[in-house]
Amino acid sequence: MKVERFEELLVWQKSRALCGRIYRVTGAGAFARDFGLRDQIQRAAVSIMSNVAEGFERNNQREFARFISIARGSAGEVRSQLYLARDLGYTTERDTHELMQACSEITRMLVAPRKSI
């Protein structure tokens, strides 16, 4: 089955879900008041789903691979920022673990398309 729209990509769907979760976690408590970290982690999460979509829409394998690489970097950025958020007490152990797991799953999914392109 050929994927015709980026919305059909499971990695984009999971990135969208992660982005929503990041916004919910960062919108509460002390995290919401740390504008720098809050905005940075939100931008990085948005970057994952946006780069998957933009790369797909370029309709060029080389460009898609480049945007997938950028998305993977953004997933690493989110993970790194989650460590700091946990260290600062902005997130619960459970939230941190779940978000880290989601980021790791997305990263694994982003490696597969790069290898197949």
PDB file of N, CA and C in Angstrom:
ATOM      1  N   MET A   1       0.841  -1.188   0.000  1.00  0.00           N
ATOM      2  CA  MET A   1       0.000   0.000   0.000  1.00  0.00           C
ATOM      3  C   MET A   1       0.888   1.254   0.000  1.00  0.00           C
ATOM      4  N   LYS A   2       0.685   2.096  -0.949  1.00  0.00           N
ATOM      5  CA  LYS A   2       1.487   3.301  -1.083  1.00  0.00           C
ATOM      6  C   LYS A   2       0.926   4.416  -0.199  1.00  0.00           C
ATOM      7  N   VAL A   3       1.810   5.054   0.529  1.00  0.00           N
ATOM      8  CA  VAL A   3       1.427   6.191   1.358  1.00  0.00           C
ATOM      9  C   VAL A   3       1.342   7.413   0.460  1.00  0.00           C
ATOM     10  N   GLU A   4       0.202   8.073   0.489  1.00  0.00           N
ATOM     11  CA  GLU A   4       0.005   9.228  -0.376  1.00  0.00           C
ATOM     12  C   GLU A   4       0.002  10.552   0.374  1.00  0.00           C
ATOM     13  N   ARG A   5      -0.188  10.500   1.686  1.00  0.00           N
ATOM     14  CA  ARG A   5      -0.233  11.723   2.493  1.00  0.00           C
ATOM     15  C   ARG A   5       0.611  11.513   3.746  1.00  0.00           C
ATOM     16  N   PHE A   6       1.279  12.559   4.194  1.00  0.00           N
ATOM     17  CA  PHE A   6       2.123  12.418   5.379  1.00  0.00           C
ATOM     18  C   PHE A   6       1.309  12.009   6.599  1.00  0.00           C
ATOM     19  N   GLU A   7       0.035  12.370   6.626  1.00  0.00           N
ATOM     20  CA  GLU A   7      -0.817  12.008   7.762  1.00  0.00           C
ATOM     21  C   GLU A   7      -0.973  10.497   7.914  1.00  0.00           C
ATOM     22  N   GLU A   8      -0.684   9.766   6.868  1.00  0.00           N
ATOM     23  CA  GLU A   8      -0.769   8.305   6.905  1.00  0.00           C
ATOM     24  C   GLU A   8       0.470   7.668   7.530  1.00  0.00           C
ATOM     25  N   LEU A   9       1.548   8.422   7.650  1.00  0.00           N
ATOM     26  CA  LEU A   9       2.792   7.888   8.202  1.00  0.00           C
ATOM     27  C   LEU A   9       2.646   7.691   9.718  1.00  0.00           C
ATOM     28  N   LEU A  10       2.886   6.488  10.174  1.00  0.00           N
ATOM     29  CA  LEU A  10       2.786   6.188  11.601  1.00  0.00           C
ATOM     30  C   LEU A  10       3.746   7.046  12.418  1.00  0.00           C
ATOM     31  N   VAL A  11       4.925   7.300  11.890  1.00  0.00           N
ATOM     32  CA  VAL A  11       5.902   8.113  12.614  1.00  0.00           C
ATOM     33  C   VAL A  11       5.389   9.544  12.784  1.00  0.00           C
ATOM     34  N   TRP A  12       4.680  10.064  11.797  1.00  0.00           N
ATOM     35  CA  TRP A  12       4.096  11.409  11.936  1.00  0.00           C
ATOM     36  C   TRP A  12       2.977  11.387  12.978  1.00  0.00           C
ATOM     37  N   GLN A  13       2.160  10.362  12.953  1.00  0.00           N
ATOM     38  CA  GLN A  13       1.063  10.238  13.920  1.00  0.00           C
ATOM     39  C   GLN A  13       1.604  10.173  15.352  1.00  0.00           C
ATOM     40  N   LYS A  14       2.656   9.388  15.543  1.00  0.00           N
ATOM     41  CA  LYS A  14       3.251   9.276  16.880  1.00  0.00           C
ATOM     42  C   LYS A  14       3.935  10.578  17.285  1.00  0.00           C
ATOM     43  N   SER A  15       4.531  11.264  16.327  1.00  0.00           N
ATOM     44  CA  SER A  15       5.155  12.559  16.609  1.00  0.00           C
ATOM     45  C   SER A  15       4.100  13.590  17.000  1.00  0.00           C
ATOM     46  N   ARG A  16       2.979  13.548  16.356  1.00  0.00           N
ATOM     47  CA  ARG A  16       1.869  14.447  16.695  1.00  0.00           C
ATOM     48  C   ARG A  16       1.376  14.182  18.117  1.00  0.00           C
ATOM     49  N   ALA A  17       1.230  12.915  18.457  1.00  0.00           N
ATOM     50  CA  ALA A  17       0.794  12.558  19.811  1.00  0.00           C
ATOM     51  C   ALA A  17       1.821  13.019  20.844  1.00  0.00           C
ATOM     52  N   LEU A  18       3.105  12.812  20.560  1.00  0.00           N
ATOM     53  CA  LEU A  18       4.161  13.262  21.469  1.00  0.00           C
ATOM     54  C   LEU A  18       4.080  14.771  21.660  1.00  0.00           C
ATOM     55  N   CYS A  19       3.901  15.479  20.579  1.00  0.00           N
ATOM     56  CA  CYS A  19       3.832  16.939  20.634  1.00  0.00           C
ATOM     57  C   CYS A  19       2.692  17.383  21.562  1.00  0.00           C
ATOM     58  N   GLY A  20       1.549  16.776  21.428  1.00  0.00           N
ATOM     59  CA  GLY A  20       0.421  17.104  22.301  1.00  0.00           C
ATOM     60  C   GLY A  20       0.731  16.837  23.758  1.00  0.00           C
ATOM     61  N   ARG A  21       1.386  15.721  24.025  1.00  0.00           N
ATOM     62  CA  ARG A  21       1.759  15.377  25.405  1.00  0.00           C
ATOM     63  C   ARG A  21       2.773  16.367  25.959  1.00  0.00           C
ATOM     64  N   ILE A  22       3.733  16.763  25.134  1.00  0.00           N
ATOM     65  CA  ILE A  22       4.730  17.752  25.570  1.00  0.00           C
ATOM     66  C   ILE A  22       4.030  19.063  25.926  1.00  0.00           C
ATOM     67  N   TYR A  23       3.111  19.496  25.100  1.00  0.00           N
ATOM     68  CA  TYR A  23       2.392  20.746  25.386  1.00  0.00           C
ATOM     69  C   TYR A  23       1.598  20.648  26.688  1.00  0.00           C
ATOM     70  N   ARG A  24       0.980  19.502  26.935  1.00  0.00           N
ATOM     71  CA  ARG A  24       0.208  19.345  28.182  1.00  0.00           C
ATOM     72  C   ARG A  24       1.125  19.372  29.403  1.00  0.00           C
ATOM     73  N   VAL A  25       2.245  18.662  29.329  1.00  0.00           N
ATOM     74  CA  VAL A  25       3.174  18.603  30.467  1.00  0.00           C
ATOM     75  C   VAL A  25       3.816  19.967  30.722  1.00  0.00           C
ATOM     76  N   THR A  26       4.169  20.658  29.654  1.00  0.00           N
ATOM     77  CA  THR A  26       4.866  21.941  29.816  1.00  0.00           C
ATOM     78  C   THR A  26       3.916  23.094  30.145  1.00  0.00           C
ATOM     79  N   GLY A  27       2.624  22.849  30.043  1.00  0.00           N
ATOM     80  CA  GLY A  27       1.646  23.901  30.301  1.00  0.00           C
ATOM     81  C   GLY A  27       1.203  23.993  31.747  1.00  0.00           C
ATOM     82  N   ALA A  28       1.815  23.212  32.628  1.00  0.00           N
ATOM     83  CA  ALA A  28       1.370  23.178  34.024  1.00  0.00           C
ATOM     84  C   ALA A  28       2.534  23.440  34.982  1.00  0.00           C
ATOM     85  N   GLY A  29       2.206  23.995  36.122  1.00  0.00           N
ATOM     86  CA  GLY A  29       3.159  24.156  37.215  1.00  0.00           C
ATOM     87  C   GLY A  29       4.359  25.012  36.875  1.00  0.00           C
ATOM     88  N   ALA A  30       5.472  24.658  37.509  1.00  0.00           N
ATOM     89  CA  ALA A  30       6.706  25.420  37.339  1.00  0.00           C
ATOM     90  C   ALA A  30       7.215  25.358  35.904  1.00  0.00           C
ATOM     91  N   PHE A  31       6.947  24.250  35.219  1.00  0.00           N
ATOM     92  CA  PHE A  31       7.391  24.126  33.829  1.00  0.00           C
ATOM     93  C   PHE A  31       6.799  25.255  32.973  1.00  0.00           C
ATOM     94  N   ALA A  32       5.534  25.578  33.210  1.00  0.00           N
ATOM     95  CA  ALA A  32       4.862  26.618  32.426  1.00  0.00           C
ATOM     96  C   ALA A  32       5.506  27.987  32.630  1.00  0.00           C
ATOM     97  N   ARG A  33       6.144  28.181  33.774  1.00  0.00           N
ATOM     98  CA  ARG A  33       6.762  29.478  34.076  1.00  0.00           C
ATOM     99  C   ARG A  33       8.224  29.572  33.633  1.00  0.00           C
ATOM    100  N   ASP A  34       8.809  28.460  33.250  1.00  0.00           N
ATOM    101  CA  ASP A  34      10.184  28.462  32.738  1.00  0.00           C
ATOM    102  C   ASP A  34      10.095  28.631  31.216  1.00  0.00           C
ATOM    103  N   PHE A  35       9.943  29.875  30.812  1.00  0.00           N
ATOM    104  CA  PHE A  35       9.652  30.168  29.410  1.00  0.00           C
ATOM    105  C   PHE A  35      10.711  29.641  28.461  1.00  0.00           C
ATOM    106  N   GLY A  36      11.970  29.738  28.843  1.00  0.00           N
ATOM    107  CA  GLY A  36      13.045  29.293  27.963  1.00  0.00           C
ATOM    108  C   GLY A  36      12.975  27.805  27.674  1.00  0.00           C
ATOM    109  N   LEU A  37      12.976  26.994  28.728  1.00  0.00           N
ATOM    110  CA  LEU A  37      12.942  25.538  28.546  1.00  0.00           C
ATOM    111  C   LEU A  37      11.615  25.097  27.954  1.00  0.00           C
ATOM    112  N   ARG A  38      10.529  25.678  28.432  1.00  0.00           N
ATOM    113  CA  ARG A  38       9.204  25.315  27.917  1.00  0.00           C
ATOM    114  C   ARG A  38       9.129  25.550  26.410  1.00  0.00           C
ATOM    115  N   ASP A  39       9.529  26.743  25.987  1.00  0.00           N
ATOM    116  CA  ASP A  39       9.444  27.068  24.566  1.00  0.00           C
ATOM    117  C   ASP A  39      10.386  26.203  23.731  1.00  0.00           C
ATOM    118  N   GLN A  40      11.572  25.936  24.253  1.00  0.00           N
ATOM    119  CA  GLN A  40      12.558  25.146  23.505  1.00  0.00           C
ATOM    120  C   GLN A  40      12.089  23.708  23.300  1.00  0.00           C
ATOM    121  N   ILE A  41      11.565  23.082  24.333  1.00  0.00           N
ATOM    122  CA  ILE A  41      11.126  21.690  24.196  1.00  0.00           C
ATOM    123  C   ILE A  41       9.879  21.611  23.322  1.00  0.00           C
ATOM    124  N   GLN A  42       9.020  22.625  23.405  1.00  0.00           N
ATOM    125  CA  GLN A  42       7.848  22.646  22.537  1.00  0.00           C
ATOM    126  C   GLN A  42       8.265  22.789  21.073  1.00  0.00           C
ATOM    127  N   ARG A  43       9.194  23.694  20.807  1.00  0.00           N
ATOM    128  CA  ARG A  43       9.672  23.881  19.429  1.00  0.00           C
ATOM    129  C   ARG A  43      10.326  22.606  18.893  1.00  0.00           C
ATOM    130  N   ALA A  44      11.100  21.939  19.735  1.00  0.00           N
ATOM    131  CA  ALA A  44      11.764  20.706  19.299  1.00  0.00           C
ATOM    132  C   ALA A  44      10.735  19.620  18.984  1.00  0.00           C
ATOM    133  N   ALA A  45       9.704  19.508  19.802  1.00  0.00           N
ATOM    134  CA  ALA A  45       8.659  18.508  19.556  1.00  0.00           C
ATOM    135  C   ALA A  45       7.908  18.817  18.265  1.00  0.00           C
ATOM    136  N   VAL A  46       7.577  20.079  18.065  1.00  0.00           N
ATOM    137  CA  VAL A  46       6.895  20.485  16.833  1.00  0.00           C
ATOM    138  C   VAL A  46       7.793  20.211  15.630  1.00  0.00           C
ATOM    139  N   SER A  47       9.083  20.402  15.791  1.00  0.00           N
ATOM    140  CA  SER A  47      10.034  20.187  14.709  1.00  0.00           C
ATOM    141  C   SER A  47      10.029  18.743  14.220  1.00  0.00           C
ATOM    142  N   ILE A  48       9.823  17.802  15.116  1.00  0.00           N
ATOM    143  CA  ILE A  48       9.817  16.390  14.706  1.00  0.00           C
ATOM    144  C   ILE A  48       8.710  16.162  13.685  1.00  0.00           C
ATOM    145  N   MET A  49       7.473  16.472  14.089  1.00  0.00           N
ATOM    146  CA  MET A  49       6.350  16.202  13.192  1.00  0.00           C
ATOM    147  C   MET A  49       6.390  17.080  11.941  1.00  0.00           C
ATOM    148  N   SER A  50       6.842  18.312  12.094  1.00  0.00           N
ATOM    149  CA  SER A  50       6.894  19.234  10.955  1.00  0.00           C
ATOM    150  C   SER A  50       7.909  18.794   9.910  1.00  0.00           C
ATOM    151  N   ASN A  51       9.069  18.326  10.354  1.00  0.00           N
ATOM    152  CA  ASN A  51      10.093  17.891   9.405  1.00  0.00           C
ATOM    153  C   ASN A  51       9.710  16.608   8.695  1.00  0.00           C
ATOM    154  N   VAL A  52       9.019  15.712   9.385  1.00  0.00           N
ATOM    155  CA  VAL A  52       8.526  14.504   8.716  1.00  0.00           C
ATOM    156  C   VAL A  52       7.552  14.914   7.611  1.00  0.00           C
ATOM    157  N   ALA A  53       6.630  15.815   7.940  1.00  0.00           N
ATOM    158  CA  ALA A  53       5.637  16.259   6.964  1.00  0.00           C
ATOM    159  C   ALA A  53       6.298  16.998   5.802  1.00  0.00           C
ATOM    160  N   GLU A  54       7.182  17.933   6.118  1.00  0.00           N
ATOM    161  CA  GLU A  54       7.812  18.723   5.063  1.00  0.00           C
ATOM    162  C   GLU A  54       8.666  17.851   4.149  1.00  0.00           C
ATOM    163  N   GLY A  55       9.422  16.947   4.740  1.00  0.00           N
ATOM    164  CA  GLY A  55      10.244  16.055   3.930  1.00  0.00           C
ATOM    165  C   GLY A  55       9.409  15.196   3.000  1.00  0.00           C
ATOM    166  N   PHE A  56       8.301  14.687   3.515  1.00  0.00           N
ATOM    167  CA  PHE A  56       7.419  13.861   2.693  1.00  0.00           C
ATOM    168  C   PHE A  56       6.849  14.673   1.530  1.00  0.00           C
ATOM    169  N   GLU A  57       6.435  15.885   1.824  1.00  0.00           N
ATOM    170  CA  GLU A  57       5.804  16.730   0.812  1.00  0.00           C
ATOM    171  C   GLU A  57       6.782  17.206  -0.260  1.00  0.00           C
ATOM    172  N   ARG A  58       8.065  17.159   0.006  1.00  0.00           N
ATOM    173  CA  ARG A  58       9.058  17.548  -0.999  1.00  0.00           C
ATOM    174  C   ARG A  58       9.058  16.579  -2.179  1.00  0.00           C
ATOM    175  N   ASN A  59       8.553  15.368  -1.947  1.00  0.00           N
ATOM    176  CA  ASN A  59       8.409  14.364  -3.003  1.00  0.00           C
ATOM    177  C   ASN A  59       9.739  14.061  -3.689  1.00  0.00           C
ATOM    178  N   ASN A  60      10.787  14.005  -2.876  1.00  0.00           N
ATOM    179  CA  ASN A  60      12.129  13.738  -3.376  1.00  0.00           C
ATOM    180  C   ASN A  60      12.847  12.928  -2.302  1.00  0.00           C
ATOM    181  N   GLN A  61      13.358  11.772  -2.652  1.00  0.00           N
ATOM    182  CA  GLN A  61      13.947  10.887  -1.648  1.00  0.00           C
ATOM    183  C   GLN A  61      15.120  11.512  -0.915  1.00  0.00           C
ATOM    184  N   ARG A  62      15.962  12.217  -1.620  1.00  0.00           N
ATOM    185  CA  ARG A  62      17.127  12.842  -0.986  1.00  0.00           C
ATOM    186  C   ARG A  62      16.673  13.899   0.032  1.00  0.00           C
ATOM    187  N   GLU A  63      15.718  14.714  -0.356  1.00  0.00           N
ATOM    188  CA  GLU A  63      15.214  15.745   0.557  1.00  0.00           C
ATOM    189  C   GLU A  63      14.496  15.114   1.742  1.00  0.00           C
ATOM    190  N   PHE A  64      13.712  14.063   1.467  1.00  0.00           N
ATOM    191  CA  PHE A  64      13.012  13.381   2.553  1.00  0.00           C
ATOM    192  C   PHE A  64      14.021  12.857   3.573  1.00  0.00           C
ATOM    193  N   ALA A  65      15.102  12.265   3.095  1.00  0.00           N
ATOM    194  CA  ALA A  65      16.135  11.745   3.999  1.00  0.00           C
ATOM    195  C   ALA A  65      16.742  12.867   4.840  1.00  0.00           C
ATOM    196  N   ARG A  66      16.959  14.021   4.228  1.00  0.00           N
ATOM    197  CA  ARG A  66      17.525  15.161   4.965  1.00  0.00           C
ATOM    198  C   ARG A  66      16.573  15.635   6.063  1.00  0.00           C
ATOM    199  N   PHE A  67      15.298  15.738   5.743  1.00  0.00           N
ATOM    200  CA  PHE A  67      14.327  16.195   6.739  1.00  0.00           C
ATOM    201  C   PHE A  67      14.113  15.152   7.836  1.00  0.00           C
ATOM    202  N   ILE A  68      14.192  13.884   7.490  1.00  0.00           N
ATOM    203  CA  ILE A  68      14.104  12.816   8.494  1.00  0.00           C
ATOM    204  C   ILE A  68      15.278  12.922   9.457  1.00  0.00           C
ATOM    205  N   SER A  69      16.443  13.229   8.941  1.00  0.00           N
ATOM    206  CA  SER A  69      17.627  13.403   9.788  1.00  0.00           C
ATOM    207  C   SER A  69      17.433  14.572  10.757  1.00  0.00           C
ATOM    208  N   ILE A  70      16.862  15.654  10.271  1.00  0.00           N
ATOM    209  CA  ILE A  70      16.583  16.804  11.136  1.00  0.00           C
ATOM    210  C   ILE A  70      15.565  16.422  12.207  1.00  0.00           C
ATOM    211  N   ALA A  71      14.532  15.690  11.818  1.00  0.00           N
ATOM    212  CA  ALA A  71      13.511  15.248  12.775  1.00  0.00           C
ATOM    213  C   ALA A  71      14.133  14.372  13.858  1.00  0.00           C
ATOM    214  N   ARG A  72      15.042  13.513  13.454  1.00  0.00           N
ATOM    215  CA  ARG A  72      15.716  12.644  14.425  1.00  0.00           C
ATOM    216  C   ARG A  72      16.540  13.470  15.413  1.00  0.00           C
ATOM    217  N   GLY A  73      17.214  14.487  14.912  1.00  0.00           N
ATOM    218  CA  GLY A  73      17.954  15.386  15.789  1.00  0.00           C
ATOM    219  C   GLY A  73      17.037  16.084  16.780  1.00  0.00           C
ATOM    220  N   SER A  74      15.875  16.489  16.325  1.00  0.00           N
ATOM    221  CA  SER A  74      14.907  17.146  17.210  1.00  0.00           C
ATOM    222  C   SER A  74      14.393  16.189  18.280  1.00  0.00           C
ATOM    223  N   ALA A  75      14.232  14.918  17.930  1.00  0.00           N
ATOM    224  CA  ALA A  75      13.809  13.931  18.927  1.00  0.00           C
ATOM    225  C   ALA A  75      14.877  13.788  20.012  1.00  0.00           C
ATOM    226  N   GLY A  76      16.138  13.822  19.619  1.00  0.00           N
ATOM    227  CA  GLY A  76      17.224  13.787  20.599  1.00  0.00           C
ATOM    228  C   GLY A  76      17.215  15.024  21.476  1.00  0.00           C
ATOM    229  N   GLU A  77      16.910  16.161  20.876  1.00  0.00           N
ATOM    230  CA  GLU A  77      16.824  17.407  21.628  1.00  0.00           C
ATOM    231  C   GLU A  77      15.722  17.330  22.684  1.00  0.00           C
ATOM    232  N   VAL A  78      14.574  16.790  22.326  1.00  0.00           N
ATOM    233  CA  VAL A  78      13.481  16.636  23.296  1.00  0.00           C
ATOM    234  C   VAL A  78      13.930  15.746  24.447  1.00  0.00           C
ATOM    235  N   ARG A  79      14.573  14.631  24.128  1.00  0.00           N
ATOM    236  CA  ARG A  79      15.040  13.733  25.191  1.00  0.00           C
ATOM    237  C   ARG A  79      16.012  14.451  26.119  1.00  0.00           C
ATOM    238  N   SER A  80      16.943  15.185  25.557  1.00  0.00           N
ATOM    239  CA  SER A  80      17.922  15.909  26.368  1.00  0.00           C
ATOM    240  C   SER A  80      17.227  16.907  27.292  1.00  0.00           C
ATOM    241  N   GLN A  81      16.278  17.629  26.768  1.00  0.00           N
ATOM    242  CA  GLN A  81      15.559  18.624  27.563  1.00  0.00           C
ATOM    243  C   GLN A  81      14.691  17.978  28.639  1.00  0.00           C
ATOM    244  N   LEU A  82      14.216  16.771  28.369  1.00  0.00           N
ATOM    245  CA  LEU A  82      13.442  16.056  29.386  1.00  0.00           C
ATOM    246  C   LEU A  82      14.301  15.704  30.601  1.00  0.00           C
ATOM    247  N   TYR A  83      15.569  15.403  30.371  1.00  0.00           N
ATOM    248  CA  TYR A  83      16.464  15.149  31.503  1.00  0.00           C
ATOM    249  C   TYR A  83      16.540  16.379  32.399  1.00  0.00           C
ATOM    250  N   LEU A  84      16.720  17.531  31.783  1.00  0.00           N
ATOM    251  CA  LEU A  84      16.804  18.763  32.566  1.00  0.00           C
ATOM    252  C   LEU A  84      15.485  19.043  33.279  1.00  0.00           C
ATOM    253  N   ALA A  85      14.386  18.858  32.588  1.00  0.00           N
ATOM    254  CA  ALA A  85      13.078  19.091  33.203  1.00  0.00           C
ATOM    255  C   ALA A  85      12.887  18.192  34.428  1.00  0.00           C
ATOM    256  N   ARG A  86      13.321  16.947  34.316  1.00  0.00           N
ATOM    257  CA  ARG A  86      13.213  16.022  35.465  1.00  0.00           C
ATOM    258  C   ARG A  86      14.142  16.459  36.587  1.00  0.00           C
ATOM    259  N   ASP A  87      15.366  16.832  36.239  1.00  0.00           N
ATOM    260  CA  ASP A  87      16.330  17.290  37.241  1.00  0.00           C
ATOM    261  C   ASP A  87      15.809  18.502  38.010  1.00  0.00           C
ATOM    262  N   LEU A  88      15.066  19.352  37.326  1.00  0.00           N
ATOM    263  CA  LEU A  88      14.526  20.562  37.955  1.00  0.00           C
ATOM    264  C   LEU A  88      13.201  20.319  38.668  1.00  0.00           C
ATOM    265  N   GLY A  89      12.702  19.107  38.585  1.00  0.00           N
ATOM    266  CA  GLY A  89      11.454  18.769  39.254  1.00  0.00           C
ATOM    267  C   GLY A  89      10.211  19.235  38.513  1.00  0.00           C
ATOM    268  N   TYR A  90      10.348  19.514  37.226  1.00  0.00           N
ATOM    269  CA  TYR A  90       9.214  19.988  36.433  1.00  0.00           C
ATOM    270  C   TYR A  90       8.305  18.856  35.980  1.00  0.00           C
ATOM    271  N   THR A  91       8.849  17.650  35.895  1.00  0.00           N
ATOM    272  CA  THR A  91       8.073  16.502  35.436  1.00  0.00           C
ATOM    273  C   THR A  91       8.146  15.391  36.479  1.00  0.00           C
ATOM    274  N   THR A  92       7.120  14.565  36.481  1.00  0.00           N
ATOM    275  CA  THR A  92       7.128  13.401  37.360  1.00  0.00           C
ATOM    276  C   THR A  92       8.012  12.322  36.740  1.00  0.00           C
ATOM    277  N   GLU A  93       8.404  11.386  37.538  1.00  0.00           N
ATOM    278  CA  GLU A  93       9.192  10.253  37.039  1.00  0.00           C
ATOM    279  C   GLU A  93       8.403   9.518  35.954  1.00  0.00           C
ATOM    280  N   ARG A  94       7.116   9.333  36.193  1.00  0.00           N
ATOM    281  CA  ARG A  94       6.262   8.614  35.239  1.00  0.00           C
ATOM    282  C   ARG A  94       6.163   9.364  33.913  1.00  0.00           C
ATOM    283  N   ASP A  95       5.851  10.668  33.976  1.00  0.00           N
ATOM    284  CA  ASP A  95       5.753  11.457  32.745  1.00  0.00           C
ATOM    285  C   ASP A  95       7.068  11.432  31.972  1.00  0.00           C
ATOM    286  N   THR A  96       8.164  11.601  32.690  1.00  0.00           N
ATOM    287  CA  THR A  96       9.474  11.605  32.044  1.00  0.00           C
ATOM    288  C   THR A  96       9.722  10.281  31.343  1.00  0.00           C
ATOM    289  N   HIS A  97       9.462   9.188  32.036  1.00  0.00           N
ATOM    290  CA  HIS A  97       9.678   7.860  31.464  1.00  0.00           C
ATOM    291  C   HIS A  97       8.818   7.657  30.211  1.00  0.00           C
ATOM    292  N   GLU A  98       7.548   8.004  30.292  1.00  0.00           N
ATOM    293  CA  GLU A  98       6.643   7.809  29.156  1.00  0.00           C
ATOM    294  C   GLU A  98       7.053   8.659  27.957  1.00  0.00           C
ATOM    295  N   LEU A  99       7.441   9.901  28.216  1.00  0.00           N
ATOM    296  CA  LEU A  99       7.862  10.784  27.132  1.00  0.00           C
ATOM    297  C   LEU A  99       9.179  10.317  26.516  1.00  0.00           C
ATOM    298  N   MET A 100      10.098   9.855  27.362  1.00  0.00           N
ATOM    299  CA  MET A 100      11.369   9.320  26.857  1.00  0.00           C
ATOM    300  C   MET A 100      11.122   8.095  25.982  1.00  0.00           C
ATOM    301  N   GLN A 101      10.223   7.230  26.426  1.00  0.00           N
ATOM    302  CA  GLN A 101       9.896   6.030  25.646  1.00  0.00           C
ATOM    303  C   GLN A 101       9.321   6.419  24.288  1.00  0.00           C
ATOM    304  N   ALA A 102       8.420   7.397  24.287  1.00  0.00           N
ATOM    305  CA  ALA A 102       7.820   7.849  23.029  1.00  0.00           C
ATOM    306  C   ALA A 102       8.879   8.424  22.097  1.00  0.00           C
ATOM    307  N   CYS A 103       9.786   9.219  22.644  1.00  0.00           N
ATOM    308  CA  CYS A 103      10.876   9.794  21.829  1.00  0.00           C
ATOM    309  C   CYS A 103      11.771   8.702  21.259  1.00  0.00           C
ATOM    310  N   SER A 104      12.093   7.729  22.073  1.00  0.00           N
ATOM    311  CA  SER A 104      12.959   6.635  21.615  1.00  0.00           C
ATOM    312  C   SER A 104      12.284   5.824  20.516  1.00  0.00           C
ATOM    313  N   GLU A 105      10.994   5.583  20.661  1.00  0.00           N
ATOM    314  CA  GLU A 105      10.262   4.846  19.629  1.00  0.00           C
ATOM    315  C   GLU A 105      10.258   5.629  18.314  1.00  0.00           C
ATOM    316  N   ILE A 106      10.020   6.926  18.396  1.00  0.00           N
ATOM    317  CA  ILE A 106      10.018   7.768  17.206  1.00  0.00           C
ATOM    318  C   ILE A 106      11.399   7.767  16.561  1.00  0.00           C
ATOM    319  N   THR A 107      12.444   7.857  17.370  1.00  0.00           N
ATOM    320  CA  THR A 107      13.809   7.835  16.835  1.00  0.00           C
ATOM    321  C   THR A 107      14.061   6.543  16.078  1.00  0.00           C
ATOM    322  N   ARG A 108      13.653   5.416  16.645  1.00  0.00           N
ATOM    323  CA  ARG A 108      13.832   4.125  15.954  1.00  0.00           C
ATOM    324  C   ARG A 108      13.072   4.120  14.630  1.00  0.00           C
ATOM    325  N   MET A 109      11.878   4.678  14.627  1.00  0.00           N
ATOM    326  CA  MET A 109      11.077   4.720  13.398  1.00  0.00           C
ATOM    327  C   MET A 109      11.731   5.627  12.356  1.00  0.00           C
ATOM    328  N   LEU A 110      12.400   6.677  12.810  1.00  0.00           N
ATOM    329  CA  LEU A 110      13.048   7.597  11.876  1.00  0.00           C
ATOM    330  C   LEU A 110      14.317   7.017  11.284  1.00  0.00           C
ATOM    331  N   VAL A 111      14.930   6.062  11.956  1.00  0.00           N
ATOM    332  CA  VAL A 111      16.125   5.405  11.412  1.00  0.00           C
ATOM    333  C   VAL A 111      15.724   4.493  10.249  1.00  0.00           C
ATOM    334  N   ALA A 112      14.609   3.797  10.382  1.00  0.00           N
ATOM    335  CA  ALA A 112      14.163   2.857   9.348  1.00  0.00           C
ATOM    336  C   ALA A 112      13.940   3.545   7.999  1.00  0.00           C
ATOM    337  N   PRO A 113      13.197   4.672   7.947  1.00  0.00           N
ATOM    338  CA  PRO A 113      13.018   5.291   6.630  1.00  0.00           C
ATOM    339  C   PRO A 113      14.332   5.789   6.032  1.00  0.00           C
ATOM    340  N   ARG A 114      15.243   6.272   6.851  1.00  0.00           N
ATOM    341  CA  ARG A 114      16.521   6.771   6.327  1.00  0.00           C
ATOM    342  C   ARG A 114      17.292   5.642   5.675  1.00  0.00           C
ATOM    343  N   LYS A 115      17.258   4.449   6.250  1.00  0.00           N
ATOM    344  CA  LYS A 115      18.004   3.330   5.688  1.00  0.00           C
ATOM    345  C   LYS A 115      17.366   2.835   4.387  1.00  0.00           C
ATOM    346  N   SER A 116      16.056   2.996   4.273  1.00  0.00           N
ATOM    347  CA  SER A 116      15.381   2.471   3.093  1.00  0.00           C
ATOM    348  C   SER A 116      15.379   3.458   1.932  1.00  0.00           C
ATOM    349  N   ILE A 117      15.798   4.672   2.185  1.00  0.00           N
ATOM    350  CA  ILE A 117      15.745   5.707   1.132  1.00  0.00           C
ATOM    351  C   ILE A 117      17.005   5.650   0.282  1.00  0.00           C
TER     352      ILE A 117
END
